[in-house]
Amino acid sequence: MAKIKVTKVRSAINRPKNQKLTLEALGLRKIGQVVEHDATPNILGMVNKVSHLVSVEETK
């Protein structure tokens, strides 16, 4: 299964609560933090919800 690296690049201050909770569920707390996840439909949907706050790169 493909993996993706998700990096938090923008703050969650003044964002709706669902976006804050999505970042938390992805495991992102601080700006610059990087987490690696499998590219499942659930994770990709979560990343899509907060795509303006994170950067994503595909790894192998």
N, C-alpha and C. Protein backbone atom coordinates (compact mmCIF):
# COMPACT_ATOMS: atom_id res chain seq x y z
N MET A 1 0.84 -1.18 0.00
CA MET A 1 0.00 0.00 0.00
C MET A 1 0.89 1.25 0.00
N ALA A 2 0.46 2.27 -0.71
CA ALA A 2 1.22 3.51 -0.80
C ALA A 2 1.19 4.25 0.54
N LYS A 3 2.23 5.00 0.79
CA LYS A 3 2.32 5.81 2.01
C LYS A 3 2.35 7.28 1.59
N ILE A 4 1.87 8.13 2.49
CA ILE A 4 1.97 9.57 2.27
C ILE A 4 2.56 10.22 3.51
N LYS A 5 3.32 11.28 3.30
CA LYS A 5 3.85 12.10 4.38
C LYS A 5 3.01 13.37 4.42
N VAL A 6 2.47 13.67 5.59
CA VAL A 6 1.63 14.85 5.77
C VAL A 6 2.36 15.80 6.71
N THR A 7 2.56 17.04 6.28
CA THR A 7 3.26 18.05 7.07
C THR A 7 2.31 19.20 7.34
N LYS A 8 2.20 19.60 8.60
CA LYS A 8 1.38 20.76 8.96
C LYS A 8 2.17 22.02 8.62
N VAL A 9 1.60 22.89 7.78
CA VAL A 9 2.31 24.08 7.36
C VAL A 9 1.62 25.38 7.78
N ARG A 10 0.37 25.29 8.21
CA ARG A 10 -0.35 26.49 8.65
C ARG A 10 -1.04 26.23 9.98
N SER A 11 -1.31 27.29 10.69
CA SER A 11 -1.92 27.20 12.02
C SER A 11 -3.41 26.86 11.93
N ALA A 12 -3.92 26.24 12.98
CA ALA A 12 -5.34 25.93 13.07
C ALA A 12 -6.11 26.99 13.85
N ILE A 13 -5.45 28.07 14.23
CA ILE A 13 -6.12 29.16 14.94
C ILE A 13 -7.15 29.80 13.99
N ASN A 14 -8.32 30.12 14.53
CA ASN A 14 -9.43 30.70 13.77
C ASN A 14 -9.95 29.78 12.67
N ARG A 15 -9.85 28.48 12.87
CA ARG A 15 -10.41 27.50 11.94
C ARG A 15 -11.59 26.83 12.61
N PRO A 16 -12.51 26.30 11.82
CA PRO A 16 -13.66 25.59 12.41
C PRO A 16 -13.21 24.39 13.24
N LYS A 17 -14.03 24.03 14.19
CA LYS A 17 -13.68 22.95 15.11
C LYS A 17 -13.45 21.63 14.38
N ASN A 18 -14.22 21.36 13.32
CA ASN A 18 -14.03 20.09 12.62
C ASN A 18 -12.66 20.01 11.96
N GLN A 19 -12.12 21.13 11.51
CA GLN A 19 -10.78 21.12 10.92
C GLN A 19 -9.72 20.90 12.00
N LYS A 20 -9.90 21.50 13.16
CA LYS A 20 -8.97 21.29 14.27
C LYS A 20 -8.97 19.83 14.69
N LEU A 21 -10.16 19.22 14.77
CA LEU A 21 -10.27 17.82 15.16
C LEU A 21 -9.67 16.90 14.09
N THR A 22 -9.80 17.27 12.83
CA THR A 22 -9.22 16.47 11.76
C THR A 22 -7.71 16.48 11.84
N LEU A 23 -7.11 17.64 12.09
CA LEU A 23 -5.66 17.72 12.26
C LEU A 23 -5.21 16.86 13.44
N GLU A 24 -5.96 16.92 14.52
CA GLU A 24 -5.64 16.14 15.71
C GLU A 24 -5.72 14.64 15.41
N ALA A 25 -6.74 14.24 14.66
CA ALA A 25 -6.91 12.84 14.32
C ALA A 25 -5.79 12.34 13.39
N LEU A 26 -5.25 13.24 12.59
CA LEU A 26 -4.12 12.88 11.73
C LEU A 26 -2.82 12.80 12.53
N GLY A 27 -2.84 13.31 13.75
CA GLY A 27 -1.64 13.27 14.59
C GLY A 27 -0.78 14.50 14.46
N LEU A 28 -1.36 15.58 13.95
CA LEU A 28 -0.60 16.82 13.74
C LEU A 28 -0.94 17.83 14.83
N ARG A 29 0.07 18.25 15.56
CA ARG A 29 -0.12 19.23 16.62
C ARG A 29 0.62 20.53 16.33
N LYS A 30 1.89 20.45 15.98
CA LYS A 30 2.71 21.65 15.80
C LYS A 30 3.00 21.90 14.31
N ILE A 31 3.20 23.15 13.97
CA ILE A 31 3.57 23.50 12.61
C ILE A 31 4.95 22.90 12.32
N GLY A 32 5.07 22.29 11.17
CA GLY A 32 6.32 21.65 10.79
C GLY A 32 6.38 20.18 11.14
N GLN A 33 5.43 19.70 11.91
CA GLN A 33 5.40 18.29 12.29
C GLN A 33 5.03 17.44 11.09
N VAL A 34 5.68 16.29 10.95
CA VAL A 34 5.45 15.39 9.83
C VAL A 34 4.98 14.05 10.37
N VAL A 35 3.93 13.51 9.77
CA VAL A 35 3.45 12.17 10.10
C VAL A 35 3.32 11.37 8.81
N GLU A 36 3.44 10.07 8.93
CA GLU A 36 3.32 9.19 7.77
C GLU A 36 2.12 8.28 7.97
N HIS A 37 1.31 8.18 6.93
CA HIS A 37 0.10 7.35 6.98
C HIS A 37 0.02 6.51 5.71
N ASP A 38 -0.75 5.41 5.78
CA ASP A 38 -1.11 4.68 4.57
C ASP A 38 -2.11 5.52 3.79
N ALA A 39 -2.06 5.40 2.48
CA ALA A 39 -2.95 6.19 1.62
C ALA A 39 -4.30 5.49 1.47
N THR A 40 -5.04 5.38 2.57
CA THR A 40 -6.37 4.77 2.53
C THR A 40 -7.40 5.84 2.20
N PRO A 41 -8.58 5.44 1.74
CA PRO A 41 -9.62 6.44 1.45
C PRO A 41 -9.97 7.30 2.66
N ASN A 42 -9.96 6.72 3.87
CA ASN A 42 -10.27 7.50 5.07
C ASN A 42 -9.25 8.61 5.29
N ILE A 43 -7.98 8.26 5.21
CA ILE A 43 -6.91 9.23 5.44
C ILE A 43 -6.90 10.29 4.34
N LEU A 44 -7.08 9.87 3.09
CA LEU A 44 -7.09 10.83 1.98
C LEU A 44 -8.25 11.81 2.10
N GLY A 45 -9.39 11.35 2.60
CA GLY A 45 -10.52 12.24 2.82
C GLY A 45 -10.23 13.26 3.91
N MET A 46 -9.56 12.81 4.97
CA MET A 46 -9.19 13.73 6.06
C MET A 46 -8.19 14.77 5.56
N VAL A 47 -7.22 14.32 4.77
CA VAL A 47 -6.22 15.25 4.23
C VAL A 47 -6.89 16.25 3.30
N ASN A 48 -7.86 15.80 2.52
CA ASN A 48 -8.57 16.69 1.61
C ASN A 48 -9.32 17.78 2.36
N LYS A 49 -9.87 17.46 3.54
CA LYS A 49 -10.60 18.43 4.35
C LYS A 49 -9.71 19.57 4.84
N VAL A 50 -8.44 19.26 5.11
CA VAL A 50 -7.53 20.27 5.65
C VAL A 50 -6.36 20.52 4.68
N SER A 51 -6.61 20.37 3.39
CA SER A 51 -5.54 20.49 2.40
C SER A 51 -4.90 21.89 2.39
N HIS A 52 -5.64 22.91 2.82
CA HIS A 52 -5.10 24.26 2.87
C HIS A 52 -4.19 24.49 4.08
N LEU A 53 -4.15 23.53 5.01
CA LEU A 53 -3.32 23.66 6.20
C LEU A 53 -2.12 22.71 6.19
N VAL A 54 -2.10 21.77 5.27
CA VAL A 54 -1.05 20.76 5.24
C VAL A 54 -0.44 20.65 3.84
N SER A 55 0.75 20.06 3.78
CA SER A 55 1.33 19.68 2.49
C SER A 55 1.49 18.16 2.51
N VAL A 56 1.32 17.55 1.35
CA VAL A 56 1.33 16.10 1.24
C VAL A 56 2.32 15.69 0.17
N GLU A 57 3.11 14.66 0.49
CA GLU A 57 3.98 14.07 -0.53
C GLU A 57 3.90 12.57 -0.44
N GLU A 58 3.97 11.93 -1.58
CA GLU A 58 3.85 10.48 -1.64
C GLU A 58 5.22 9.86 -1.44
N THR A 59 5.28 8.81 -0.64
CA THR A 59 6.53 8.07 -0.43
C THR A 59 6.30 6.64 -0.86
N LYS A 60 7.38 5.90 -0.94
CA LYS A 60 7.26 4.51 -1.38
C LYS A 60 7.64 3.55 -0.31
